[in-house]
Amino acid sequence: MISAYFLPLWQIILEAPQYPEGLGMKIWLNSITGNVDQINGLNHYIGMKHIIVEDFVEFKVLPYVFGFIIAVGLFTAFNGRLIWLKIWFFLLVLFAIAGLTDFYLWEYDYGHNLDPRAAIKVPGMNYQPPLIGYKQLLNFLAGSLPDIGGIIVVMAALMAGGVLIYEMRLIRRTHAKTI
């Protein structure tokens, strides 16, 4: 989890014939890197707002939230009590739900609230990338996937959930034997 703090959590990939190498953005806890300027230039034609890191309060808050989750995880590892594992697992799940919900709303806003004066207008078309996976948007194939940091967070949550299930079963078996 500590390494995930310093790695990109999510990535957005755009593939099109005119960009054979593709365009991409990497979303970190406190920033967005990659082909942001090129993507902003393309988005201008369809009326999307520019992606500006300073416009997102999340990038100011996320490093502290994630740091807190890491601290609780370290405390849990050294404390060894089941209640703290439950709390840490709950925090990981809550972080994932809140993060994906916020990201979906961000994508929805950018893909639906278009400038009516845009150069390219396709009636009924919105340009919201998928939350997870790939979606065709005009001549672009847009992908939205976890990056290495996001994969680490998912793996940590799966391991914590697995240990939690194992420990709870062990307690049940031990308790059943003493009755």
N, C-alpha and C. Protein backbone atom coordinates (compact mmCIF):
# COMPACT_ATOMS: atom_id res chain seq x y z
N MET A 1 0.82 -1.20 0.00
CA MET A 1 0.00 0.00 0.00
C MET A 1 0.86 1.26 0.00
N ILE A 2 1.99 1.19 0.68
CA ILE A 2 2.86 2.37 0.68
C ILE A 2 3.34 2.66 -0.73
N SER A 3 3.69 1.63 -1.48
CA SER A 3 4.15 1.86 -2.85
C SER A 3 3.04 2.45 -3.72
N ALA A 4 1.79 2.08 -3.47
CA ALA A 4 0.67 2.62 -4.25
C ALA A 4 0.52 4.12 -4.05
N TYR A 5 0.99 4.63 -2.92
CA TYR A 5 0.94 6.07 -2.64
C TYR A 5 1.75 6.84 -3.68
N PHE A 6 2.79 6.21 -4.22
CA PHE A 6 3.71 6.89 -5.13
C PHE A 6 3.54 6.45 -6.58
N LEU A 7 2.49 5.68 -6.87
CA LEU A 7 2.28 5.16 -8.22
C LEU A 7 0.93 5.64 -8.76
N PRO A 8 0.78 5.65 -10.10
CA PRO A 8 -0.53 6.03 -10.66
C PRO A 8 -1.58 5.00 -10.29
N LEU A 9 -2.77 5.49 -9.93
CA LEU A 9 -3.87 4.62 -9.51
C LEU A 9 -4.75 4.20 -10.68
N TRP A 10 -4.90 5.08 -11.65
CA TRP A 10 -5.83 4.82 -12.75
C TRP A 10 -5.25 5.34 -14.05
N GLN A 11 -5.74 4.80 -15.16
CA GLN A 11 -5.29 5.29 -16.47
C GLN A 11 -6.46 5.36 -17.42
N ILE A 12 -6.41 6.36 -18.29
CA ILE A 12 -7.37 6.50 -19.37
C ILE A 12 -6.56 6.46 -20.66
N ILE A 13 -7.00 5.60 -21.57
CA ILE A 13 -6.29 5.37 -22.82
C ILE A 13 -7.23 5.72 -23.97
N LEU A 14 -6.71 6.46 -24.95
CA LEU A 14 -7.47 6.77 -26.15
C LEU A 14 -6.70 6.24 -27.35
N GLU A 15 -7.37 5.43 -28.15
CA GLU A 15 -6.76 4.88 -29.36
C GLU A 15 -7.59 5.31 -30.56
N ALA A 16 -6.91 5.75 -31.62
CA ALA A 16 -7.58 6.15 -32.85
C ALA A 16 -6.60 6.01 -34.00
N PRO A 17 -7.11 5.90 -35.23
CA PRO A 17 -6.21 5.75 -36.39
C PRO A 17 -5.18 6.87 -36.50
N GLN A 18 -5.57 8.09 -36.18
CA GLN A 18 -4.64 9.21 -36.30
C GLN A 18 -3.63 9.28 -35.14
N TYR A 19 -3.81 8.44 -34.13
CA TYR A 19 -2.87 8.35 -33.00
C TYR A 19 -2.50 6.88 -32.80
N PRO A 20 -1.70 6.32 -33.69
CA PRO A 20 -1.38 4.89 -33.60
C PRO A 20 -0.68 4.51 -32.29
N GLU A 21 0.05 5.45 -31.71
CA GLU A 21 0.72 5.17 -30.43
C GLU A 21 -0.23 5.37 -29.26
N GLY A 22 -1.40 5.94 -29.53
CA GLY A 22 -2.39 6.17 -28.50
C GLY A 22 -2.09 7.41 -27.67
N LEU A 23 -3.09 7.87 -26.96
CA LEU A 23 -2.96 8.97 -26.02
C LEU A 23 -3.39 8.43 -24.66
N GLY A 24 -2.79 8.95 -23.63
CA GLY A 24 -3.16 8.44 -22.31
C GLY A 24 -2.99 9.45 -21.20
N MET A 25 -3.72 9.21 -20.15
CA MET A 25 -3.59 9.99 -18.92
C MET A 25 -3.44 9.01 -17.77
N LYS A 26 -2.60 9.36 -16.84
CA LYS A 26 -2.43 8.58 -15.62
C LYS A 26 -2.90 9.45 -14.46
N ILE A 27 -3.76 8.86 -13.63
CA ILE A 27 -4.33 9.59 -12.50
C ILE A 27 -3.64 9.11 -11.23
N TRP A 28 -3.02 10.05 -10.55
CA TRP A 28 -2.28 9.81 -9.31
C TRP A 28 -3.13 10.33 -8.15
N LEU A 29 -2.64 10.19 -6.95
CA LEU A 29 -3.36 10.73 -5.79
C LEU A 29 -3.49 12.24 -5.83
N ASN A 30 -2.50 12.90 -6.45
CA ASN A 30 -2.49 14.36 -6.40
C ASN A 30 -2.29 15.02 -7.76
N SER A 31 -2.42 14.27 -8.85
CA SER A 31 -2.12 14.85 -10.15
C SER A 31 -2.65 13.98 -11.28
N ILE A 32 -2.59 14.54 -12.47
CA ILE A 32 -2.86 13.80 -13.71
C ILE A 32 -1.67 14.07 -14.63
N THR A 33 -1.11 13.01 -15.18
CA THR A 33 0.02 13.16 -16.10
C THR A 33 -0.31 12.48 -17.43
N GLY A 34 0.55 12.66 -18.38
CA GLY A 34 0.37 12.04 -19.69
C GLY A 34 0.07 13.07 -20.74
N ASN A 35 -0.73 12.70 -21.72
CA ASN A 35 -1.06 13.56 -22.86
C ASN A 35 -2.24 14.48 -22.56
N VAL A 36 -2.23 15.10 -21.40
CA VAL A 36 -3.37 15.93 -20.97
C VAL A 36 -3.60 17.09 -21.92
N ASP A 37 -2.55 17.77 -22.35
CA ASP A 37 -2.72 18.92 -23.25
C ASP A 37 -3.30 18.49 -24.60
N GLN A 38 -2.82 17.38 -25.15
CA GLN A 38 -3.35 16.89 -26.43
C GLN A 38 -4.81 16.47 -26.28
N ILE A 39 -5.12 15.79 -25.18
CA ILE A 39 -6.50 15.36 -24.94
C ILE A 39 -7.41 16.58 -24.75
N ASN A 40 -6.93 17.58 -24.02
CA ASN A 40 -7.70 18.82 -23.86
C ASN A 40 -7.96 19.46 -25.22
N GLY A 41 -6.95 19.46 -26.10
CA GLY A 41 -7.12 20.03 -27.43
C GLY A 41 -8.18 19.29 -28.23
N LEU A 42 -8.17 17.98 -28.17
CA LEU A 42 -9.19 17.18 -28.87
C LEU A 42 -10.57 17.37 -28.25
N ASN A 43 -10.62 17.38 -26.93
CA ASN A 43 -11.90 17.54 -26.23
C ASN A 43 -12.56 18.87 -26.54
N HIS A 44 -11.75 19.88 -26.85
CA HIS A 44 -12.28 21.19 -27.19
C HIS A 44 -13.23 21.11 -28.39
N TYR A 45 -12.91 20.27 -29.37
CA TYR A 45 -13.73 20.15 -30.57
C TYR A 45 -15.11 19.59 -30.29
N ILE A 46 -15.24 18.75 -29.27
CA ILE A 46 -16.55 18.18 -28.95
C ILE A 46 -17.24 18.93 -27.80
N GLY A 47 -16.58 19.97 -27.28
CA GLY A 47 -17.20 20.82 -26.28
C GLY A 47 -16.96 20.43 -24.83
N MET A 48 -16.00 19.54 -24.59
CA MET A 48 -15.68 19.16 -23.21
C MET A 48 -14.89 20.27 -22.52
N LYS A 49 -15.06 20.34 -21.20
CA LYS A 49 -14.24 21.25 -20.40
C LYS A 49 -12.79 20.77 -20.43
N HIS A 50 -11.88 21.71 -20.22
CA HIS A 50 -10.47 21.32 -20.10
C HIS A 50 -10.25 20.60 -18.78
N ILE A 51 -9.38 19.62 -18.81
CA ILE A 51 -9.00 18.90 -17.60
C ILE A 51 -7.87 19.69 -16.96
N ILE A 52 -8.16 20.28 -15.80
CA ILE A 52 -7.19 21.11 -15.08
C ILE A 52 -7.09 20.57 -13.67
N VAL A 53 -5.90 20.11 -13.30
CA VAL A 53 -5.69 19.46 -12.00
C VAL A 53 -6.16 20.34 -10.85
N GLU A 54 -5.90 21.63 -10.93
CA GLU A 54 -6.26 22.53 -9.84
C GLU A 54 -7.76 22.64 -9.61
N ASP A 55 -8.56 22.23 -10.58
CA ASP A 55 -10.02 22.27 -10.44
C ASP A 55 -10.58 21.14 -9.59
N PHE A 56 -9.75 20.17 -9.25
CA PHE A 56 -10.21 18.99 -8.51
C PHE A 56 -9.77 19.07 -7.06
N VAL A 57 -10.73 19.22 -6.16
CA VAL A 57 -10.43 19.23 -4.72
C VAL A 57 -9.90 17.87 -4.28
N GLU A 58 -10.29 16.82 -5.01
CA GLU A 58 -9.86 15.47 -4.66
C GLU A 58 -8.34 15.35 -4.59
N PHE A 59 -7.64 16.04 -5.47
CA PHE A 59 -6.18 15.93 -5.49
C PHE A 59 -5.53 16.61 -4.28
N LYS A 60 -6.27 17.46 -3.61
CA LYS A 60 -5.75 18.08 -2.38
C LYS A 60 -6.03 17.19 -1.17
N VAL A 61 -7.13 16.43 -1.21
CA VAL A 61 -7.59 15.62 -0.08
C VAL A 61 -7.06 14.18 -0.12
N LEU A 62 -7.02 13.59 -1.32
CA LEU A 62 -6.67 12.17 -1.45
C LEU A 62 -5.35 11.76 -0.81
N PRO A 63 -4.27 12.53 -0.93
CA PRO A 63 -3.03 12.08 -0.29
C PRO A 63 -3.18 11.89 1.23
N TYR A 64 -3.99 12.72 1.86
CA TYR A 64 -4.20 12.59 3.31
C TYR A 64 -5.10 11.40 3.64
N VAL A 65 -6.15 11.22 2.85
CA VAL A 65 -7.06 10.08 3.07
C VAL A 65 -6.30 8.77 2.87
N PHE A 66 -5.54 8.69 1.79
CA PHE A 66 -4.79 7.47 1.50
C PHE A 66 -3.72 7.24 2.55
N GLY A 67 -3.07 8.32 2.99
CA GLY A 67 -2.07 8.21 4.06
C GLY A 67 -2.69 7.67 5.34
N PHE A 68 -3.90 8.13 5.65
CA PHE A 68 -4.61 7.64 6.83
C PHE A 68 -4.90 6.15 6.70
N ILE A 69 -5.35 5.72 5.52
CA ILE A 69 -5.65 4.29 5.29
C ILE A 69 -4.38 3.46 5.45
N ILE A 70 -3.26 3.96 4.94
CA ILE A 70 -1.98 3.26 5.09
C ILE A 70 -1.61 3.16 6.57
N ALA A 71 -1.78 4.27 7.31
CA ALA A 71 -1.44 4.27 8.73
C ALA A 71 -2.30 3.26 9.50
N VAL A 72 -3.58 3.21 9.20
CA VAL A 72 -4.46 2.23 9.86
C VAL A 72 -4.03 0.81 9.49
N GLY A 73 -3.64 0.61 8.23
CA GLY A 73 -3.16 -0.72 7.81
C GLY A 73 -1.90 -1.13 8.55
N LEU A 74 -0.96 -0.20 8.72
CA LEU A 74 0.28 -0.51 9.46
C LEU A 74 -0.04 -0.79 10.94
N PHE A 75 -0.91 0.02 11.51
CA PHE A 75 -1.32 -0.21 12.90
C PHE A 75 -1.96 -1.59 13.05
N THR A 76 -2.81 -1.93 12.08
CA THR A 76 -3.49 -3.23 12.08
C THR A 76 -2.47 -4.37 12.02
N ALA A 77 -1.47 -4.22 11.14
CA ALA A 77 -0.45 -5.27 10.99
C ALA A 77 0.33 -5.47 12.27
N PHE A 78 0.66 -4.40 12.98
CA PHE A 78 1.45 -4.52 14.20
C PHE A 78 0.60 -4.85 15.43
N ASN A 79 -0.67 -4.45 15.40
CA ASN A 79 -1.58 -4.69 16.51
C ASN A 79 -2.07 -6.13 16.50
N GLY A 80 -2.43 -6.63 15.31
CA GLY A 80 -2.84 -8.03 15.17
C GLY A 80 -4.23 -8.36 15.66
N ARG A 81 -5.06 -7.36 15.96
CA ARG A 81 -6.41 -7.63 16.45
C ARG A 81 -7.40 -7.65 15.30
N LEU A 82 -8.33 -8.59 15.38
CA LEU A 82 -9.31 -8.78 14.31
C LEU A 82 -10.17 -7.54 14.08
N ILE A 83 -10.52 -6.84 15.13
CA ILE A 83 -11.36 -5.65 14.98
C ILE A 83 -10.68 -4.61 14.10
N TRP A 84 -9.37 -4.48 14.23
CA TRP A 84 -8.64 -3.51 13.40
C TRP A 84 -8.56 -3.97 11.95
N LEU A 85 -8.49 -5.27 11.73
CA LEU A 85 -8.53 -5.78 10.36
C LEU A 85 -9.88 -5.48 9.73
N LYS A 86 -10.95 -5.64 10.51
CA LYS A 86 -12.28 -5.31 10.00
C LYS A 86 -12.37 -3.83 9.66
N ILE A 87 -11.85 -2.99 10.54
CA ILE A 87 -11.88 -1.54 10.30
C ILE A 87 -11.08 -1.20 9.05
N TRP A 88 -9.89 -1.77 8.91
CA TRP A 88 -9.05 -1.47 7.75
C TRP A 88 -9.70 -1.94 6.45
N PHE A 89 -10.27 -3.14 6.48
CA PHE A 89 -10.96 -3.67 5.30
C PHE A 89 -12.14 -2.76 4.94
N PHE A 90 -12.90 -2.33 5.93
CA PHE A 90 -14.02 -1.42 5.71
C PHE A 90 -13.53 -0.13 5.08
N LEU A 91 -12.41 0.41 5.57
CA LEU A 91 -11.85 1.64 5.00
C LEU A 91 -11.45 1.44 3.54
N LEU A 92 -10.85 0.31 3.22
CA LEU A 92 -10.45 0.03 1.83
C LEU A 92 -11.68 -0.05 0.93
N VAL A 93 -12.71 -0.74 1.38
CA VAL A 93 -13.93 -0.86 0.58
C VAL A 93 -14.59 0.50 0.43
N LEU A 94 -14.68 1.26 1.50
CA LEU A 94 -15.26 2.60 1.46
C LEU A 94 -14.48 3.50 0.52
N PHE A 95 -13.15 3.43 0.57
CA PHE A 95 -12.29 4.21 -0.32
C PHE A 95 -12.56 3.85 -1.78
N ALA A 96 -12.70 2.57 -2.07
CA ALA A 96 -12.96 2.12 -3.43
C ALA A 96 -14.32 2.60 -3.92
N ILE A 97 -15.34 2.46 -3.10
CA ILE A 97 -16.69 2.89 -3.48
C ILE A 97 -16.73 4.40 -3.70
N ALA A 98 -16.17 5.15 -2.75
CA ALA A 98 -16.17 6.61 -2.87
C ALA A 98 -15.35 7.05 -4.08
N GLY A 99 -14.20 6.43 -4.28
CA GLY A 99 -13.34 6.81 -5.40
C GLY A 99 -13.98 6.52 -6.75
N LEU A 100 -14.56 5.33 -6.89
CA LEU A 100 -15.20 4.99 -8.16
C LEU A 100 -16.45 5.83 -8.41
N THR A 101 -17.20 6.12 -7.36
CA THR A 101 -18.39 6.98 -7.51
C THR A 101 -17.97 8.38 -7.94
N ASP A 102 -16.97 8.94 -7.28
CA ASP A 102 -16.49 10.27 -7.63
C ASP A 102 -15.96 10.30 -9.05
N PHE A 103 -15.22 9.27 -9.44
CA PHE A 103 -14.66 9.20 -10.78
C PHE A 103 -15.77 9.09 -11.82
N TYR A 104 -16.80 8.29 -11.54
CA TYR A 104 -17.93 8.17 -12.45
C TYR A 104 -18.61 9.53 -12.63
N LEU A 105 -18.85 10.23 -11.53
CA LEU A 105 -19.49 11.54 -11.61
C LEU A 105 -18.64 12.54 -12.37
N TRP A 106 -17.33 12.46 -12.18
CA TRP A 106 -16.40 13.31 -12.91
C TRP A 106 -16.50 13.02 -14.41
N GLU A 107 -16.47 11.73 -14.77
CA GLU A 107 -16.58 11.34 -16.18
C GLU A 107 -17.94 11.76 -16.76
N TYR A 108 -18.99 11.58 -15.98
CA TYR A 108 -20.32 11.96 -16.44
C TYR A 108 -20.38 13.45 -16.74
N ASP A 109 -19.89 14.26 -15.83
CA ASP A 109 -19.90 15.70 -16.02
C ASP A 109 -19.13 16.09 -17.28
N TYR A 110 -17.95 15.56 -17.43
CA TYR A 110 -17.12 15.90 -18.59
C TYR A 110 -17.72 15.38 -19.89
N GLY A 111 -18.38 14.25 -19.86
CA GLY A 111 -18.90 13.64 -21.08
C GLY A 111 -20.28 14.12 -21.50
N HIS A 112 -21.03 14.71 -20.57
CA HIS A 112 -22.40 15.13 -20.87
C HIS A 112 -22.59 16.64 -20.90
N ASN A 113 -21.88 17.37 -20.08
CA ASN A 113 -22.05 18.82 -20.02
C ASN A 113 -21.12 19.48 -21.03
N LEU A 114 -21.57 19.45 -22.28
CA LEU A 114 -20.74 19.92 -23.40
C LEU A 114 -21.11 21.35 -23.78
N ASP A 115 -20.14 22.07 -24.30
CA ASP A 115 -20.35 23.42 -24.79
C ASP A 115 -21.24 23.35 -26.04
N PRO A 116 -22.38 24.03 -26.04
CA PRO A 116 -23.27 23.96 -27.21
C PRO A 116 -22.67 24.59 -28.46
N ARG A 117 -21.60 25.36 -28.29
CA ARG A 117 -20.95 26.01 -29.44
C ARG A 117 -19.81 25.16 -30.00
N ALA A 118 -19.71 23.89 -29.59
CA ALA A 118 -18.61 23.02 -30.02
C ALA A 118 -18.62 22.84 -31.54
N ALA A 119 -17.43 22.64 -32.09
CA ALA A 119 -17.29 22.46 -33.54
C ALA A 119 -17.92 21.15 -34.02
N ILE A 120 -17.83 20.10 -33.21
CA ILE A 120 -18.37 18.80 -33.59
C ILE A 120 -19.54 18.48 -32.67
N LYS A 121 -20.71 18.29 -33.31
CA LYS A 121 -21.92 17.93 -32.54
C LYS A 121 -22.55 16.72 -33.21
N VAL A 122 -22.78 15.70 -32.42
CA VAL A 122 -23.49 14.51 -32.90
C VAL A 122 -24.73 14.38 -32.04
N PRO A 123 -25.91 14.59 -32.62
CA PRO A 123 -27.14 14.55 -31.82
C PRO A 123 -27.27 13.24 -31.02
N GLY A 124 -27.56 13.41 -29.73
CA GLY A 124 -27.75 12.26 -28.85
C GLY A 124 -26.46 11.63 -28.35
N MET A 125 -25.32 12.13 -28.79
CA MET A 125 -24.02 11.53 -28.43
C MET A 125 -23.49 12.18 -27.15
N ASN A 126 -23.03 11.34 -26.24
CA ASN A 126 -22.27 11.85 -25.10
C ASN A 126 -20.88 11.22 -25.18
N TYR A 127 -19.95 11.80 -24.49
CA TYR A 127 -18.55 11.37 -24.62
C TYR A 127 -17.98 10.90 -23.29
N GLN A 128 -18.84 10.28 -22.49
CA GLN A 128 -18.39 9.76 -21.21
C GLN A 128 -17.60 8.48 -21.41
N PRO A 129 -16.33 8.48 -20.98
CA PRO A 129 -15.58 7.21 -21.06
C PRO A 129 -16.18 6.19 -20.10
N PRO A 130 -15.90 4.92 -20.30
CA PRO A 130 -16.43 3.92 -19.38
C PRO A 130 -15.76 4.05 -18.01
N LEU A 131 -16.46 3.62 -16.98
CA LEU A 131 -15.85 3.62 -15.65
C LEU A 131 -14.70 2.62 -15.62
N ILE A 132 -14.97 1.41 -16.10
CA ILE A 132 -13.94 0.38 -16.20
C ILE A 132 -14.17 -0.33 -17.54
N GLY A 133 -13.11 -0.46 -18.32
CA GLY A 133 -13.22 -1.15 -19.60
C GLY A 133 -13.03 -0.22 -20.77
N TYR A 134 -13.61 -0.61 -21.91
CA TYR A 134 -13.44 0.14 -23.16
C TYR A 134 -14.79 0.51 -23.74
N LYS A 135 -14.81 1.63 -24.48
CA LYS A 135 -16.02 2.11 -25.12
C LYS A 135 -15.62 2.88 -26.38
N GLN A 136 -16.35 2.66 -27.47
CA GLN A 136 -16.09 3.39 -28.71
C GLN A 136 -16.77 4.75 -28.62
N LEU A 137 -16.00 5.82 -28.83
CA LEU A 137 -16.51 7.19 -28.84
C LEU A 137 -16.07 7.82 -30.17
N LEU A 138 -16.99 7.86 -31.13
CA LEU A 138 -16.69 8.27 -32.51
C LEU A 138 -15.56 7.39 -33.02
N ASN A 139 -14.45 8.00 -33.47
CA ASN A 139 -13.36 7.16 -33.99
C ASN A 139 -12.32 6.81 -32.92
N PHE A 140 -12.60 7.12 -31.68
CA PHE A 140 -11.69 6.80 -30.58
C PHE A 140 -12.21 5.61 -29.78
N LEU A 141 -11.32 4.73 -29.45
CA LEU A 141 -11.61 3.67 -28.49
C LEU A 141 -11.06 4.17 -27.15
N ALA A 142 -11.96 4.45 -26.21
CA ALA A 142 -11.57 4.98 -24.90
C ALA A 142 -11.53 3.84 -23.89
N GLY A 143 -10.43 3.75 -23.18
CA GLY A 143 -10.27 2.75 -22.14
C GLY A 143 -10.05 3.40 -20.80
N SER A 144 -10.59 2.80 -19.77
CA SER A 144 -10.45 3.29 -18.40
C SER A 144 -10.17 2.08 -17.52
N LEU A 145 -8.95 2.02 -16.97
CA LEU A 145 -8.51 0.83 -16.24
C LEU A 145 -7.67 1.20 -15.04
N PRO A 146 -7.61 0.32 -14.04
CA PRO A 146 -6.69 0.57 -12.93
C PRO A 146 -5.25 0.54 -13.45
N ASP A 147 -4.42 1.40 -12.89
CA ASP A 147 -2.99 1.37 -13.17
C ASP A 147 -2.32 0.60 -12.04
N ILE A 148 -1.02 0.57 -12.02
CA ILE A 148 -0.28 -0.28 -11.06
C ILE A 148 -0.65 0.02 -9.61
N GLY A 149 -0.79 1.30 -9.25
CA GLY A 149 -1.18 1.65 -7.88
C GLY A 149 -2.57 1.15 -7.54
N GLY A 150 -3.50 1.28 -8.48
CA GLY A 150 -4.86 0.78 -8.28
C GLY A 150 -4.90 -0.73 -8.14
N ILE A 151 -4.07 -1.41 -8.93
CA ILE A 151 -4.00 -2.87 -8.84
C ILE A 151 -3.47 -3.28 -7.46
N ILE A 152 -2.49 -2.55 -6.95
CA ILE A 152 -1.94 -2.84 -5.62
C ILE A 152 -3.02 -2.65 -4.55
N VAL A 153 -3.81 -1.60 -4.67
CA VAL A 153 -4.88 -1.36 -3.70
C VAL A 153 -5.91 -2.49 -3.76
N VAL A 154 -6.29 -2.91 -4.97
CA VAL A 154 -7.25 -4.01 -5.11
C VAL A 154 -6.67 -5.28 -4.50
N MET A 155 -5.39 -5.56 -4.77
CA MET A 155 -4.76 -6.76 -4.21
C MET A 155 -4.71 -6.69 -2.68
N ALA A 156 -4.42 -5.52 -2.13
CA ALA A 156 -4.39 -5.36 -0.67
C ALA A 156 -5.78 -5.62 -0.09
N ALA A 157 -6.82 -5.10 -0.76
CA ALA A 157 -8.18 -5.31 -0.27
C ALA A 157 -8.56 -6.79 -0.35
N LEU A 158 -8.18 -7.45 -1.45
CA LEU A 158 -8.48 -8.89 -1.58
C LEU A 158 -7.75 -9.71 -0.52
N MET A 159 -6.48 -9.36 -0.27
CA MET A 159 -5.73 -10.09 0.76
C MET A 159 -6.32 -9.84 2.14
N ALA A 160 -6.68 -8.58 2.43
CA ALA A 160 -7.28 -8.27 3.73
C ALA A 160 -8.61 -9.01 3.89
N GLY A 161 -9.41 -9.03 2.82
CA GLY A 161 -10.68 -9.76 2.86
C GLY A 161 -10.47 -11.25 3.06
N GLY A 162 -9.46 -11.81 2.39
CA GLY A 162 -9.15 -13.23 2.55
C GLY A 162 -8.71 -13.57 3.96
N VAL A 163 -7.85 -12.73 4.52
CA VAL A 163 -7.38 -12.96 5.89
C VAL A 163 -8.55 -12.80 6.87
N LEU A 164 -9.39 -11.82 6.61
CA LEU A 164 -10.55 -11.61 7.48
C LEU A 164 -11.48 -12.83 7.47
N ILE A 165 -11.77 -13.35 6.31
CA ILE A 165 -12.62 -14.55 6.20
C ILE A 165 -11.95 -15.73 6.91
N TYR A 166 -10.66 -15.92 6.66
CA TYR A 166 -9.92 -17.02 7.30
C TYR A 166 -9.97 -16.91 8.82
N GLU A 167 -9.68 -15.75 9.35
CA GLU A 167 -9.67 -15.54 10.81
C GLU A 167 -11.05 -15.73 11.42
N MET A 168 -12.09 -15.25 10.74
CA MET A 168 -13.43 -15.41 11.28
C MET A 168 -13.86 -16.89 11.29
N ARG A 169 -13.47 -17.62 10.26
CA ARG A 169 -13.76 -19.07 10.24
C ARG A 169 -12.98 -19.80 11.32
N LEU A 170 -11.74 -19.40 11.52
CA LEU A 170 -10.90 -20.00 12.55
C LEU A 170 -11.50 -19.77 13.93
N ILE A 171 -11.98 -18.57 14.16
CA ILE A 171 -12.62 -18.26 15.44
C ILE A 171 -13.88 -19.09 15.62
N ARG A 172 -14.69 -19.22 14.55
CA ARG A 172 -15.91 -20.02 14.63
C ARG A 172 -15.60 -21.48 14.94
N ARG A 173 -14.58 -22.02 14.26
CA ARG A 173 -14.20 -23.42 14.50
C ARG A 173 -13.69 -23.60 15.93
N THR A 174 -12.86 -22.69 16.39
CA THR A 174 -12.31 -22.76 17.73
C THR A 174 -13.44 -22.64 18.76
N HIS A 175 -14.36 -21.73 18.52
CA HIS A 175 -15.48 -21.53 19.41
C HIS A 175 -16.39 -22.76 19.43
N ALA A 176 -16.61 -23.38 18.27
CA ALA A 176 -17.46 -24.58 18.18
C ALA A 176 -16.85 -25.75 18.93
N LYS A 177 -15.53 -25.85 18.93
CA LYS A 177 -14.85 -26.95 19.62
C LYS A 177 -14.91 -26.79 21.13
N THR A 178 -15.01 -25.57 21.61
CA THR A 178 -15.02 -25.35 23.06
C THR A 178 -16.42 -25.53 23.64
N ILE A 179 -17.42 -25.61 22.81
CA ILE A 179 -18.81 -25.75 23.30
C ILE A 179 -19.14 -27.16 23.56
